[in-house]
Amino acid sequence: MDINTFADRFLYLRGRLYSGNLSEVALKIETALDKTSCLIINLDSLEKIDLDGAYMLYIARNKANEVNKQIIFYCQKNIKVKRIFTLAGINYYKTIPSTV
């Protein structure tokens, strides 16, 4: 799993997000969220994601909301991610809101 941040507001996930690396990814998300009130996570470069990975992202977003922060999932092209999110009942955003 390759995780890159840009301008403390954007997080790019590349590779595989699955039950085997959830703790590592969750920690990176928490660290990135410490630096901003709105974190945009780009999911388009994920090669593979399982339901555990999608659920971890959902929990991270809920935890952020509890402390008045926001996580936006950006996924415009990745059909695999869209399918998993749909199966898990998680909303994702196709475009980044202009207010961010």
Protein backbone atom coordinates (compact mmCIF):
# COMPACT_ATOMS: atom_id res chain seq x y z
CA MET A 1 0.00 0.00 0.00
CA ASP A 2 1.37 3.36 -1.05
CA ILE A 3 -0.02 6.39 0.76
CA ASN A 4 0.92 9.92 -0.29
CA THR A 5 -0.24 13.25 1.07
CA PHE A 6 -0.34 16.52 -0.80
CA ALA A 7 -0.79 19.97 0.75
CA ASP A 8 -1.95 18.36 4.06
CA ARG A 9 -5.46 18.11 2.63
CA PHE A 10 -5.27 15.34 0.02
CA LEU A 11 -4.46 11.70 0.67
CA TYR A 12 -3.81 9.35 -2.26
CA LEU A 13 -4.23 5.62 -1.68
CA ARG A 14 -2.53 3.30 -4.16
CA GLY A 15 -2.24 -0.46 -4.20
CA ARG A 16 -4.37 -2.78 -2.07
CA LEU A 17 -6.60 -1.84 0.85
CA TYR A 18 -7.61 -5.03 2.62
CA SER A 19 -7.82 -6.64 6.05
CA GLY A 20 -4.05 -7.15 6.16
CA ASN A 21 -3.09 -3.47 6.15
CA LEU A 22 -6.05 -1.69 7.77
CA SER A 23 -4.18 -0.59 10.90
CA GLU A 24 -1.40 1.02 8.88
CA VAL A 25 -3.82 2.88 6.62
CA ALA A 26 -6.08 3.96 9.51
CA LEU A 27 -3.05 5.43 11.31
CA LYS A 28 -2.01 7.38 8.18
CA ILE A 29 -5.55 8.74 7.83
CA GLU A 30 -5.65 9.81 11.49
CA THR A 31 -2.25 11.48 11.15
CA ALA A 32 -3.33 13.34 8.00
CA LEU A 33 -6.61 14.39 9.63
CA ASP A 34 -4.68 15.91 12.55
CA LYS A 35 -3.36 18.52 10.09
CA THR A 36 -6.67 19.62 8.53
CA SER A 37 -10.39 19.84 9.22
CA CYS A 38 -11.27 18.43 5.79
CA LEU A 39 -9.36 15.52 4.29
CA ILE A 40 -9.95 14.39 0.72
CA ILE A 41 -9.01 10.76 0.11
CA ASN A 42 -8.44 9.84 -3.54
CA LEU A 43 -9.39 6.21 -4.13
CA ASP A 44 -9.00 6.10 -7.92
CA SER A 45 -5.55 4.44 -7.79
CA LEU A 46 -6.53 1.52 -5.55
CA GLU A 47 -5.89 -1.79 -7.30
CA LYS A 48 -7.96 -3.79 -4.84
CA ILE A 49 -10.23 -3.11 -1.89
CA ASP A 50 -12.25 -5.54 0.21
CA LEU A 51 -15.28 -4.96 2.43
CA ASP A 52 -13.04 -4.64 5.49
CA GLY A 53 -11.15 -1.81 3.78
CA ALA A 54 -14.35 -0.04 2.80
CA TYR A 55 -15.74 -0.41 6.31
CA MET A 56 -12.52 0.99 7.84
CA LEU A 57 -12.87 4.07 5.61
CA TYR A 58 -16.50 4.41 6.71
CA ILE A 59 -15.49 4.24 10.38
CA ALA A 60 -12.71 6.80 9.82
CA ARG A 61 -15.23 9.18 8.23
CA ASN A 62 -17.64 8.72 11.16
CA LYS A 63 -14.88 9.32 13.72
CA ALA A 64 -13.90 12.50 11.86
CA ASN A 65 -17.50 13.72 11.94
CA GLU A 66 -17.63 13.17 15.71
CA VAL A 67 -14.85 15.73 16.18
CA ASN A 68 -16.29 18.21 13.65
CA LYS A 69 -13.95 17.20 10.85
CA GLN A 70 -14.76 15.87 7.40
CA ILE A 71 -13.44 13.10 5.16
CA ILE A 72 -14.45 13.14 1.51
CA PHE A 73 -13.91 10.06 -0.62
CA TYR A 74 -12.95 10.97 -4.18
CA CYS A 75 -13.54 8.20 -6.67
CA GLN A 76 -14.31 9.13 -10.23
CA LYS A 77 -12.90 6.26 -12.32
CA ASN A 78 -12.34 3.17 -10.17
CA ILE A 79 -15.21 0.75 -10.79
CA LYS A 80 -13.90 -1.75 -8.21
CA VAL A 81 -14.06 0.82 -5.42
CA LYS A 82 -17.51 1.99 -6.50
CA ARG A 83 -18.82 -1.58 -6.44
CA ILE A 84 -17.45 -2.31 -2.97
CA PHE A 85 -18.80 0.98 -1.62
CA THR A 86 -22.21 0.22 -3.11
CA LEU A 87 -22.18 -3.29 -1.59
CA ALA A 88 -21.22 -1.83 1.79
CA GLY A 89 -23.82 0.96 1.52
CA ILE A 90 -21.21 3.73 1.72
CA ASN A 91 -21.62 7.00 -0.17
CA TYR A 92 -18.70 8.30 -2.20
CA TYR A 93 -18.28 11.57 -4.07
CA LYS A 94 -17.56 11.72 -7.78
CA THR A 95 -16.41 15.32 -7.64
CA ILE A 96 -14.83 17.43 -4.97
CA PRO A 97 -17.21 20.14 -3.69
CA SER A 98 -16.12 23.65 -4.63
CA THR A 99 -16.26 24.76 -0.98
CA VAL A 100 -13.32 22.53 -0.04
